[in-house]
Protein backbone atom coordinates (compact mmCIF):
# COMPACT_ATOMS: atom_id res chain seq x y z
CA MET A 1 21.90 -50.00 4.05
CA GLN A 2 20.93 -49.15 0.52
CA GLU A 3 18.99 -46.16 1.83
CA ALA A 4 22.14 -44.76 3.43
CA ARG A 5 23.90 -45.01 0.14
CA VAL A 6 21.16 -43.28 -1.82
CA ARG A 7 20.76 -40.41 0.48
CA ARG A 8 23.69 -38.30 1.86
CA LYS A 9 22.53 -35.76 4.73
CA GLY A 10 19.05 -35.65 3.24
CA GLN A 11 20.25 -33.99 -0.06
CA GLY A 12 18.64 -36.58 -2.22
CA PRO A 13 19.49 -39.43 -4.39
CA GLU A 14 23.04 -40.11 -5.63
CA ARG A 15 24.40 -40.62 -8.97
CA THR A 16 27.81 -41.78 -10.12
CA CYS A 17 30.07 -39.44 -12.19
CA ILE A 18 31.20 -41.14 -15.41
CA GLY A 19 34.52 -39.09 -15.07
CA CYS A 20 35.84 -39.63 -11.69
CA GLY A 21 33.70 -42.69 -10.77
CA LYS A 22 32.63 -41.20 -7.36
CA ALA A 23 29.07 -41.03 -6.16
CA ASP A 24 27.44 -37.66 -5.45
CA VAL A 25 24.15 -35.88 -5.05
CA ARG A 26 22.33 -35.29 -8.18
CA GLU A 27 22.52 -31.42 -7.75
CA HIS A 28 26.16 -31.57 -8.07
CA LEU A 29 26.32 -33.33 -11.37
CA VAL A 30 25.17 -32.67 -14.78
CA ARG A 31 23.07 -35.06 -16.89
CA VAL A 32 24.39 -36.01 -20.40
CA VAL A 33 22.43 -38.09 -22.98
CA VAL A 34 23.70 -39.85 -26.19
CA GLY A 35 21.41 -40.26 -29.13
CA PRO A 36 21.32 -43.32 -31.22
CA ASP A 37 23.60 -41.92 -33.80
CA GLY A 38 26.08 -41.05 -31.03
CA GLU A 39 25.29 -37.38 -30.71
CA VAL A 40 26.12 -35.99 -27.28
CA ALA A 41 23.87 -33.51 -25.39
CA PHE A 42 23.44 -32.30 -21.95
CA ASP A 43 19.97 -32.27 -20.37
CA LEU A 44 20.18 -29.47 -17.83
CA ALA A 45 16.36 -29.11 -17.41
CA GLY A 46 15.91 -32.85 -16.80
CA GLY A 47 13.34 -33.07 -19.68
CA THR A 48 15.07 -35.31 -22.12
CA PHE A 49 13.83 -38.99 -22.10
CA GLY A 50 15.97 -41.79 -22.60
CA ARG A 51 19.02 -43.29 -21.07
CA GLY A 52 21.37 -40.79 -19.48
CA ALA A 53 24.65 -40.46 -17.39
CA HIS A 54 26.00 -38.04 -14.90
CA VAL A 55 29.33 -36.21 -14.79
CA HIS A 56 30.74 -33.46 -12.60
CA PRO A 57 30.91 -30.07 -14.22
CA SER A 58 34.77 -29.90 -14.04
CA VAL A 59 37.44 -30.05 -16.58
CA SER A 60 39.14 -33.17 -15.10
CA CYS A 61 35.66 -35.27 -14.98
CA VAL A 62 34.71 -34.15 -18.39
CA GLU A 63 37.92 -34.93 -19.94
CA LYS A 64 37.79 -38.50 -18.41
CA ALA A 65 34.15 -38.78 -19.67
CA ALA A 66 35.12 -37.72 -23.19
CA SER A 67 38.19 -40.29 -22.96
CA LYS A 68 36.41 -43.39 -21.71
CA GLY A 69 33.44 -42.73 -19.61
CA LEU A 70 30.92 -42.15 -22.14
CA SER A 71 31.73 -45.17 -24.20
CA ARG A 72 31.74 -47.31 -21.07
CA SER A 73 28.56 -45.92 -19.66
CA PHE A 74 26.63 -46.08 -22.95
CA GLY A 75 27.99 -49.24 -24.24
CA MET A 76 28.93 -47.90 -27.55
CA ALA A 77 31.51 -45.81 -29.09
CA VAL A 78 31.21 -42.32 -28.39
CA ARG A 79 33.54 -40.11 -30.12
CA CYS A 80 33.91 -36.55 -28.75
CA ASP A 81 37.04 -34.73 -27.31
CA ALA A 82 37.05 -32.85 -24.04
CA ALA A 83 37.06 -29.22 -25.47
CA SER A 84 33.81 -29.95 -27.52
CA LEU A 85 32.18 -31.58 -24.58
CA CYS A 86 32.94 -28.61 -22.39
CA GLN A 87 31.79 -26.38 -25.14
CA LEU A 88 28.38 -28.41 -25.41
CA LEU A 89 27.87 -27.93 -21.58
CA VAL A 90 28.56 -24.11 -21.84
CA GLU A 91 26.11 -23.70 -24.65
CA ALA A 92 23.27 -25.75 -23.04
CA ALA A 93 23.95 -23.69 -19.78
CA ASP A 94 23.58 -20.39 -21.66
CA ARG A 95 20.36 -21.55 -23.32
CA ARG A 96 19.03 -22.90 -20.12
CA ILE A 97 19.68 -19.53 -18.24
CA GLU A 98 18.23 -17.47 -21.19
CA GLY A 99 15.04 -19.60 -20.72
CA LEU A 100 15.00 -19.17 -17.06
CA LEU A 101 15.43 -15.40 -17.13
CA SER A 102 12.97 -15.04 -19.94
CA SER A 103 10.41 -17.07 -17.73
CA ALA A 104 11.08 -14.88 -14.65
CA ALA A 105 10.62 -11.76 -16.71
CA ARG A 106 7.42 -12.93 -18.24
CA SER A 107 6.13 -13.60 -14.76
CA GLY A 108 7.08 -10.29 -13.45
CA LEU A 109 9.61 -11.69 -11.12
CA VAL A 110 12.73 -9.47 -11.92
CA VAL A 111 13.96 -6.31 -10.76
CA ILE A 112 15.80 -4.26 -13.54
CA GLY A 113 18.57 -1.86 -13.23
CA PHE A 114 21.49 -1.12 -10.70
CA GLU A 115 19.47 1.08 -8.40
CA ALA A 116 16.55 -1.25 -8.18
CA VAL A 117 18.75 -4.33 -7.65
CA ASP A 118 21.04 -2.59 -5.19
CA THR A 119 17.93 -1.64 -2.96
CA ALA A 120 16.53 -5.07 -3.19
CA LEU A 121 19.80 -6.78 -2.27
CA MET A 122 20.23 -4.28 0.79
CA ARG A 123 16.52 -5.24 1.89
CA GLU A 124 17.44 -8.91 1.09
CA ASP A 125 14.31 -8.98 -1.22
CA LEU A 126 16.21 -10.88 -3.97
CA ALA A 127 16.89 -14.56 -4.53
CA LEU A 128 19.74 -13.82 -7.03
CA ALA A 129 21.45 -10.88 -8.76
CA VAL A 130 22.70 -11.46 -12.39
CA VAL A 131 25.39 -9.06 -13.37
CA ALA A 132 26.45 -8.70 -17.02
CA ARG A 133 30.14 -9.66 -17.80
CA ASP A 134 30.67 -6.25 -19.44
CA ALA A 135 28.90 -4.15 -16.79
CA GLY A 136 32.09 -2.50 -15.51
CA GLY A 137 31.25 -0.39 -12.38
CA CYS A 138 28.46 -2.66 -11.05
CA SER A 139 30.80 -5.11 -9.66
CA SER A 140 32.33 -2.38 -7.37
CA SER A 141 28.97 -1.98 -5.59
CA ARG A 142 29.12 -3.08 -1.85
CA SER A 143 25.87 -4.71 -2.00
CA ILE A 144 26.62 -6.68 -5.19
CA GLN A 145 30.07 -7.69 -3.72
CA LYS A 146 28.41 -8.74 -0.54
CA ALA A 147 25.94 -10.80 -2.69
CA VAL A 148 28.86 -12.52 -4.47
CA SER A 149 30.44 -13.52 -1.39
CA GLU A 150 27.23 -15.06 -0.11
CA GLY A 151 26.50 -16.93 -3.40
CA ARG A 152 23.42 -14.60 -4.21
CA ALA A 153 25.08 -13.06 -7.45
CA VAL A 154 26.53 -14.32 -10.55
CA ALA A 155 28.22 -12.82 -13.66
CA TRP A 156 26.54 -14.00 -16.87
CA GLY A 157 26.05 -12.63 -20.31
CA THR A 158 26.43 -9.05 -21.72
CA LYS A 159 24.49 -5.87 -21.22
CA ALA A 160 22.87 -6.47 -24.65
CA LEU A 161 21.85 -9.93 -24.02
CA LEU A 162 20.27 -9.13 -20.64
CA ALA A 163 18.44 -6.24 -22.22
CA SER A 164 16.94 -8.73 -25.07
CA LEU A 165 15.63 -11.07 -22.35
CA VAL A 166 13.70 -8.33 -20.53
CA CYS A 167 12.80 -6.12 -23.78
CA ARG A 168 15.01 -3.18 -22.65
CA VAL A 169 17.69 -1.15 -24.43
CA GLU A 170 20.57 -2.12 -22.09
CA VAL A 171 20.63 -3.77 -18.81
CA SER A 172 23.71 -4.09 -16.64
CA VAL A 173 22.15 -5.90 -13.74
CA LEU A 174 18.82 -7.58 -13.11
CA GLY A 175 17.50 -9.42 -9.90
CA ILE A 176 15.54 -12.39 -9.59
CA GLN A 177 12.71 -12.64 -7.11
CA SER A 178 11.69 -16.21 -7.53
CA ALA A 179 13.78 -18.60 -5.10
CA LYS A 180 13.16 -21.37 -7.45
CA ILE A 181 14.42 -19.78 -10.57
CA GLY A 182 17.24 -18.02 -8.77
CA ALA A 183 18.52 -21.51 -7.52
CA SER A 184 18.27 -22.97 -11.07
CA VAL A 185 20.21 -19.97 -12.61
CA LEU A 186 22.83 -20.20 -9.89
CA MET A 187 23.25 -23.94 -10.22
CA THR A 188 23.49 -23.73 -14.03
CA CYS A 189 25.89 -20.78 -13.94
CA ARG A 190 28.17 -22.71 -11.52
CA ALA A 191 28.03 -25.77 -13.92
CA ALA A 192 29.12 -23.70 -16.84
CA ASP A 193 31.86 -21.85 -15.08
CA GLY A 194 33.36 -25.22 -14.06
CA VAL A 195 34.30 -25.77 -17.54
CA ARG A 196 34.10 -22.28 -19.23
CA SER A 197 37.31 -20.58 -20.50
CA VAL A 198 38.14 -17.65 -18.19
CA SER A 199 38.55 -15.41 -21.28
CA GLU A 200 35.11 -16.47 -22.83
CA VAL A 201 32.32 -13.90 -22.63
CA ARG A 202 28.98 -14.66 -24.35
């Protein structure tokens, strides 16, 4: 009986969201930790030791977590507002994505530039395409539009930021060849987009 609660369709262990109170698979939640001084942080890489709680990366769940969920879960007064908590999540996600893309670049697991990514997408040789938010014409590409509809492309960062991560002058789009890194970038992007202001561009 307990095993049935812990696993849903073989997706792995469940956690309870401190916002809505519903159980969900860990992949659909983000981990939040609170330090002894009450400082809140998001542990997106899963490397922070200590007690943590989980929340859905949605504005409504983060609002409830900020209001009562964090204090109730950690048994201490945790003072933070929803807007600050959302901003912390976006910043943590951006740092995580930067690290993942840098790691992929150092390992030679990236394809750089529109033509190279376009070709790789048509051959289905990429795990994920990352398009700079200020890339303009790239989003009109049929292969990129198809990748977006299939969940194989995300919009993140700027051309200058992508370029800095792969040591180039300017990069509008890059592709990730590693399935593991691609999945992590996609999951982290979705977590940030769940609370990110539509007008915000990093």
